[in-house]
Amino acid sequence: MDGHGGRERQLFELGRLVKAGLTQPLGLMRPGGVGRILAVRSGEGDVERGLLEMGFVEGACVEVLHHGFLGRDPLAVRINQAMTVALRRGEANAVLVGPLLNRATDVEPTTDQESRPS
């Protein structure tokens, strides 16, 4: 499969998650909500580039820590349990978040022969 096939598969899976209602913009998540970034899309290149430079990249784990009092802006968000960032709701809505998948299910289990010492 060439490079285009992998991207098509990724877009297909993203579409399935959106249809199932398992994704949402980061700006709509409640405090304490945790998920994995699926995409960063905005109409403005500067906003998208800024989010990517701050660490909002596909596959990163995000947690909403706090919403601001007035207008619920800004949002405090933790990225990969390492960095905390404050965002306006409009910027946060450019980040599409899906469910946090268990990494253990993504890895193929080892057989008994592989785990035994030689």
N, C-alpha and C. Protein backbone atom coordinates (compact mmCIF):
# COMPACT_ATOMS: atom_id res chain seq x y z
N MET A 1 0.84 -1.18 0.00
CA MET A 1 0.00 0.00 0.00
C MET A 1 0.88 1.24 0.00
N ASP A 2 0.60 2.18 -0.87
CA ASP A 2 1.42 3.39 -0.95
C ASP A 2 1.02 4.38 0.14
N GLY A 3 1.68 5.53 0.18
CA GLY A 3 1.42 6.55 1.19
C GLY A 3 0.01 7.08 1.17
N HIS A 4 -0.62 7.11 0.00
CA HIS A 4 -1.98 7.63 -0.10
C HIS A 4 -2.97 6.69 0.56
N GLY A 5 -2.75 5.39 0.49
CA GLY A 5 -3.65 4.41 1.09
C GLY A 5 -3.72 4.56 2.60
N GLY A 6 -2.59 4.82 3.23
CA GLY A 6 -2.56 5.00 4.68
C GLY A 6 -3.34 6.24 5.10
N ARG A 7 -3.20 7.30 4.34
CA ARG A 7 -3.92 8.55 4.65
C ARG A 7 -5.41 8.36 4.44
N GLU A 8 -5.79 7.64 3.39
CA GLU A 8 -7.21 7.37 3.14
C GLU A 8 -7.80 6.55 4.27
N ARG A 9 -7.06 5.57 4.74
CA ARG A 9 -7.53 4.74 5.86
C ARG A 9 -7.72 5.59 7.11
N GLN A 10 -6.79 6.49 7.37
CA GLN A 10 -6.88 7.37 8.53
C GLN A 10 -8.11 8.27 8.42
N LEU A 11 -8.38 8.83 7.26
CA LEU A 11 -9.55 9.67 7.07
C LEU A 11 -10.84 8.87 7.22
N PHE A 12 -10.82 7.63 6.73
CA PHE A 12 -11.99 6.75 6.87
C PHE A 12 -12.29 6.51 8.35
N GLU A 13 -11.26 6.17 9.13
CA GLU A 13 -11.45 5.92 10.56
C GLU A 13 -11.93 7.18 11.28
N LEU A 14 -11.39 8.33 10.91
CA LEU A 14 -11.82 9.59 11.50
C LEU A 14 -13.29 9.84 11.20
N GLY A 15 -13.72 9.58 9.96
CA GLY A 15 -15.12 9.73 9.59
C GLY A 15 -16.03 8.81 10.38
N ARG A 16 -15.58 7.59 10.63
CA ARG A 16 -16.37 6.66 11.43
C ARG A 16 -16.57 7.18 12.85
N LEU A 17 -15.52 7.73 13.45
CA LEU A 17 -15.62 8.26 14.80
C LEU A 17 -16.54 9.46 14.87
N VAL A 18 -16.47 10.33 13.85
CA VAL A 18 -17.33 11.51 13.82
C VAL A 18 -18.79 11.09 13.71
N LYS A 19 -19.09 10.14 12.80
CA LYS A 19 -20.47 9.67 12.63
C LYS A 19 -21.01 9.03 13.89
N ALA A 20 -20.17 8.32 14.62
CA ALA A 20 -20.60 7.64 15.84
C ALA A 20 -20.75 8.61 17.01
N GLY A 21 -20.37 9.86 16.83
CA GLY A 21 -20.49 10.85 17.90
C GLY A 21 -19.41 10.72 18.95
N LEU A 22 -18.31 10.06 18.62
CA LEU A 22 -17.24 9.85 19.58
C LEU A 22 -16.19 10.96 19.55
N THR A 23 -16.35 11.92 18.67
CA THR A 23 -15.40 13.02 18.59
C THR A 23 -16.11 14.33 18.92
N GLN A 24 -15.33 15.30 19.32
CA GLN A 24 -15.87 16.62 19.59
C GLN A 24 -14.73 17.64 19.57
N PRO A 25 -15.07 18.89 19.34
CA PRO A 25 -14.04 19.93 19.44
C PRO A 25 -13.56 20.05 20.88
N LEU A 26 -12.31 20.37 21.06
CA LEU A 26 -11.73 20.52 22.39
C LEU A 26 -12.49 21.56 23.20
N GLY A 27 -13.00 22.60 22.54
CA GLY A 27 -13.72 23.65 23.24
C GLY A 27 -15.03 23.22 23.87
N LEU A 28 -15.57 22.08 23.46
CA LEU A 28 -16.83 21.58 24.03
C LEU A 28 -16.63 20.57 25.15
N MET A 29 -15.40 20.18 25.38
CA MET A 29 -15.14 19.19 26.44
C MET A 29 -15.31 19.82 27.81
N ARG A 30 -15.78 19.02 28.75
CA ARG A 30 -15.95 19.48 30.13
C ARG A 30 -14.63 19.35 30.90
N PRO A 31 -14.49 20.12 31.97
CA PRO A 31 -13.30 19.95 32.81
C PRO A 31 -13.20 18.50 33.30
N GLY A 32 -12.00 17.97 33.25
CA GLY A 32 -11.78 16.57 33.61
C GLY A 32 -11.84 15.63 32.43
N GLY A 33 -12.32 16.14 31.28
CA GLY A 33 -12.40 15.32 30.07
C GLY A 33 -11.03 15.03 29.51
N VAL A 34 -10.85 13.79 29.05
CA VAL A 34 -9.57 13.35 28.49
C VAL A 34 -9.82 12.75 27.12
N GLY A 35 -8.91 12.98 26.19
CA GLY A 35 -9.04 12.40 24.86
C GLY A 35 -7.73 12.47 24.10
N ARG A 36 -7.79 11.99 22.87
CA ARG A 36 -6.62 12.00 21.99
C ARG A 36 -6.92 12.89 20.80
N ILE A 37 -5.98 13.73 20.41
CA ILE A 37 -6.16 14.65 19.30
C ILE A 37 -6.20 13.85 18.00
N LEU A 38 -7.26 14.05 17.22
CA LEU A 38 -7.42 13.39 15.93
C LEU A 38 -7.01 14.29 14.78
N ALA A 39 -7.27 15.59 14.92
CA ALA A 39 -6.94 16.53 13.85
C ALA A 39 -6.91 17.95 14.40
N VAL A 40 -6.15 18.79 13.74
CA VAL A 40 -6.12 20.22 14.05
C VAL A 40 -6.45 20.94 12.76
N ARG A 41 -7.62 21.55 12.72
CA ARG A 41 -8.09 22.22 11.51
C ARG A 41 -8.73 23.55 11.88
N SER A 42 -8.31 24.58 11.19
CA SER A 42 -8.96 25.89 11.35
C SER A 42 -8.93 26.59 10.00
N GLY A 43 -9.76 27.57 9.85
CA GLY A 43 -9.77 28.32 8.61
C GLY A 43 -8.58 29.25 8.48
N GLU A 44 -7.92 29.52 9.59
CA GLU A 44 -6.79 30.45 9.59
C GLU A 44 -5.49 29.68 9.78
N GLY A 45 -4.56 29.86 8.88
CA GLY A 45 -3.28 29.16 8.94
C GLY A 45 -2.46 29.52 10.17
N ASP A 46 -2.56 30.78 10.62
CA ASP A 46 -1.78 31.22 11.78
C ASP A 46 -2.23 30.50 13.04
N VAL A 47 -3.54 30.32 13.21
CA VAL A 47 -4.07 29.65 14.39
C VAL A 47 -3.64 28.19 14.38
N GLU A 48 -3.79 27.53 13.24
CA GLU A 48 -3.41 26.12 13.12
C GLU A 48 -1.92 25.93 13.38
N ARG A 49 -1.10 26.78 12.81
CA ARG A 49 0.35 26.68 13.00
C ARG A 49 0.72 26.91 14.47
N GLY A 50 0.09 27.88 15.10
CA GLY A 50 0.35 28.15 16.51
C GLY A 50 -0.01 26.98 17.40
N LEU A 51 -1.17 26.35 17.12
CA LEU A 51 -1.57 25.19 17.91
C LEU A 51 -0.58 24.04 17.74
N LEU A 52 -0.15 23.81 16.51
CA LEU A 52 0.82 22.75 16.25
C LEU A 52 2.14 23.01 16.97
N GLU A 53 2.58 24.27 16.97
CA GLU A 53 3.83 24.62 17.63
C GLU A 53 3.74 24.46 19.15
N MET A 54 2.53 24.63 19.71
CA MET A 54 2.34 24.46 21.16
C MET A 54 2.26 23.00 21.57
N GLY A 55 2.14 22.09 20.60
CA GLY A 55 2.09 20.68 20.94
C GLY A 55 0.77 20.00 20.65
N PHE A 56 -0.17 20.72 20.06
CA PHE A 56 -1.47 20.12 19.71
C PHE A 56 -1.31 19.37 18.39
N VAL A 57 -0.70 18.21 18.46
CA VAL A 57 -0.44 17.39 17.27
C VAL A 57 -1.29 16.14 17.32
N GLU A 58 -1.55 15.55 16.16
CA GLU A 58 -2.35 14.34 16.09
C GLU A 58 -1.72 13.25 16.94
N GLY A 59 -2.53 12.60 17.75
CA GLY A 59 -2.07 11.52 18.60
C GLY A 59 -1.75 11.94 20.02
N ALA A 60 -1.63 13.24 20.27
CA ALA A 60 -1.30 13.71 21.62
C ALA A 60 -2.50 13.54 22.54
N CYS A 61 -2.24 13.25 23.79
CA CYS A 61 -3.28 13.13 24.80
C CYS A 61 -3.56 14.51 25.39
N VAL A 62 -4.84 14.87 25.52
CA VAL A 62 -5.20 16.16 26.10
C VAL A 62 -6.20 15.97 27.23
N GLU A 63 -6.11 16.84 28.22
CA GLU A 63 -7.03 16.83 29.35
C GLU A 63 -7.45 18.27 29.62
N VAL A 64 -8.76 18.50 29.72
CA VAL A 64 -9.26 19.84 30.04
C VAL A 64 -9.23 19.98 31.56
N LEU A 65 -8.48 20.96 32.03
CA LEU A 65 -8.32 21.15 33.47
C LEU A 65 -9.32 22.13 34.05
N HIS A 66 -9.59 23.21 33.30
CA HIS A 66 -10.39 24.30 33.89
C HIS A 66 -10.98 25.17 32.78
N HIS A 67 -12.16 25.71 33.04
CA HIS A 67 -12.77 26.72 32.16
C HIS A 67 -12.74 28.04 32.91
N GLY A 68 -12.53 29.12 32.18
CA GLY A 68 -12.55 30.44 32.78
C GLY A 68 -13.95 30.82 33.26
N PHE A 69 -14.04 31.82 34.12
CA PHE A 69 -15.32 32.20 34.72
C PHE A 69 -16.21 32.95 33.74
N LEU A 70 -15.76 34.07 33.23
CA LEU A 70 -16.59 34.87 32.33
C LEU A 70 -16.47 34.37 30.90
N GLY A 71 -17.56 33.99 30.32
CA GLY A 71 -17.55 33.52 28.95
C GLY A 71 -16.87 32.19 28.78
N ARG A 72 -16.51 31.59 29.90
CA ARG A 72 -15.83 30.29 29.92
C ARG A 72 -14.52 30.30 29.13
N ASP A 73 -13.95 31.47 28.99
CA ASP A 73 -12.63 31.61 28.37
C ASP A 73 -11.67 32.08 29.45
N PRO A 74 -10.44 31.69 29.44
CA PRO A 74 -9.80 30.67 28.60
C PRO A 74 -10.01 29.28 29.17
N LEU A 75 -9.59 28.28 28.40
CA LEU A 75 -9.58 26.90 28.85
C LEU A 75 -8.15 26.55 29.23
N ALA A 76 -7.99 25.86 30.34
CA ALA A 76 -6.67 25.34 30.71
C ALA A 76 -6.63 23.89 30.26
N VAL A 77 -5.63 23.55 29.46
CA VAL A 77 -5.53 22.22 28.86
C VAL A 77 -4.14 21.66 29.11
N ARG A 78 -4.07 20.40 29.51
CA ARG A 78 -2.79 19.72 29.68
C ARG A 78 -2.55 18.83 28.47
N ILE A 79 -1.35 18.93 27.89
CA ILE A 79 -0.99 18.15 26.71
C ILE A 79 0.04 17.10 27.12
N ASN A 80 -0.27 15.84 26.82
CA ASN A 80 0.63 14.71 27.11
C ASN A 80 1.15 14.70 28.54
N GLN A 81 0.34 15.12 29.47
CA GLN A 81 0.68 15.15 30.90
C GLN A 81 2.00 15.86 31.18
N ALA A 82 2.37 16.77 30.28
CA ALA A 82 3.67 17.43 30.44
C ALA A 82 3.57 18.94 30.45
N MET A 83 2.63 19.50 29.70
CA MET A 83 2.58 20.95 29.53
C MET A 83 1.15 21.43 29.67
N THR A 84 0.96 22.55 30.36
CA THR A 84 -0.36 23.15 30.51
C THR A 84 -0.42 24.42 29.69
N VAL A 85 -1.51 24.56 28.92
CA VAL A 85 -1.67 25.69 28.01
C VAL A 85 -3.05 26.30 28.24
N ALA A 86 -3.15 27.62 28.12
CA ALA A 86 -4.44 28.30 28.17
C ALA A 86 -4.82 28.71 26.75
N LEU A 87 -6.07 28.40 26.36
CA LEU A 87 -6.56 28.69 25.01
C LEU A 87 -7.90 29.40 25.07
N ARG A 88 -8.15 30.23 24.07
CA ARG A 88 -9.50 30.76 23.88
C ARG A 88 -10.37 29.65 23.31
N ARG A 89 -11.65 29.72 23.56
CA ARG A 89 -12.57 28.69 23.09
C ARG A 89 -12.54 28.57 21.56
N GLY A 90 -12.43 29.68 20.85
CA GLY A 90 -12.38 29.65 19.39
C GLY A 90 -11.18 28.87 18.88
N GLU A 91 -10.04 29.04 19.54
CA GLU A 91 -8.84 28.28 19.16
C GLU A 91 -9.00 26.81 19.52
N ALA A 92 -9.58 26.54 20.68
CA ALA A 92 -9.77 25.16 21.12
C ALA A 92 -10.71 24.39 20.21
N ASN A 93 -11.66 25.09 19.60
CA ASN A 93 -12.61 24.43 18.70
C ASN A 93 -11.96 23.97 17.40
N ALA A 94 -10.75 24.42 17.12
CA ALA A 94 -10.03 23.97 15.93
C ALA A 94 -9.38 22.60 16.15
N VAL A 95 -9.40 22.12 17.39
CA VAL A 95 -8.78 20.83 17.73
C VAL A 95 -9.89 19.79 17.89
N LEU A 96 -9.86 18.76 17.05
CA LEU A 96 -10.85 17.68 17.11
C LEU A 96 -10.29 16.56 17.98
N VAL A 97 -11.06 16.19 19.00
CA VAL A 97 -10.60 15.22 19.99
C VAL A 97 -11.50 13.99 19.96
N GLY A 98 -10.88 12.83 20.02
CA GLY A 98 -11.60 11.56 20.05
C GLY A 98 -11.32 10.85 21.36
N PRO A 99 -11.85 9.65 21.49
CA PRO A 99 -11.67 8.90 22.73
C PRO A 99 -10.21 8.51 22.93
N LEU A 100 -9.84 8.39 24.18
CA LEU A 100 -8.48 7.98 24.53
C LEU A 100 -8.45 6.46 24.44
N LEU A 101 -7.74 5.95 23.43
CA LEU A 101 -7.68 4.51 23.23
C LEU A 101 -6.61 3.90 24.11
N ASN A 102 -6.86 2.69 24.55
CA ASN A 102 -5.90 1.96 25.37
C ASN A 102 -4.74 1.52 24.51
N ARG A 103 -3.54 1.94 24.80
CA ARG A 103 -2.36 1.58 24.02
C ARG A 103 -2.13 0.07 24.05
N ALA A 104 -2.54 -0.60 25.13
CA ALA A 104 -2.30 -2.04 25.25
C ALA A 104 -3.05 -2.81 24.17
N THR A 105 -4.19 -2.32 23.73
CA THR A 105 -4.95 -3.02 22.70
C THR A 105 -4.37 -2.79 21.32
N ASP A 106 -3.56 -1.74 21.16
CA ASP A 106 -2.95 -1.45 19.87
C ASP A 106 -1.72 -2.31 19.62
N VAL A 107 -1.15 -2.91 20.66
CA VAL A 107 0.06 -3.70 20.54
C VAL A 107 -0.30 -5.17 20.47
N GLU A 108 0.35 -5.87 19.58
CA GLU A 108 0.10 -7.30 19.47
C GLU A 108 0.69 -8.01 20.67
N PRO A 109 -0.05 -8.94 21.28
CA PRO A 109 0.48 -9.65 22.44
C PRO A 109 1.62 -10.58 22.02
N THR A 110 2.55 -10.78 22.92
CA THR A 110 3.65 -11.68 22.63
C THR A 110 3.22 -13.11 22.94
N THR A 111 3.80 -14.06 22.25
CA THR A 111 3.50 -15.46 22.52
C THR A 111 4.34 -15.94 23.69
N ASP A 112 3.99 -17.09 24.24
CA ASP A 112 4.73 -17.63 25.39
C ASP A 112 6.19 -17.88 25.04
N GLN A 113 6.47 -18.32 23.82
CA GLN A 113 7.84 -18.61 23.43
C GLN A 113 8.69 -17.35 23.38
N GLU A 114 8.07 -16.21 22.98
CA GLU A 114 8.83 -14.98 22.89
C GLU A 114 9.15 -14.42 24.26
N SER A 115 8.27 -14.67 25.24
CA SER A 115 8.46 -14.07 26.56
C SER A 115 9.34 -14.92 27.47
N ARG A 116 9.59 -16.20 27.10
CA ARG A 116 10.45 -17.06 27.90
C ARG A 116 11.91 -16.72 27.67
N PRO A 117 12.72 -16.77 28.75
CA PRO A 117 14.16 -16.55 28.55
C PRO A 117 14.78 -17.76 27.87
N SER A 118 15.83 -17.54 27.12
CA SER A 118 16.50 -18.61 26.39
C SER A 118 17.40 -19.43 27.25
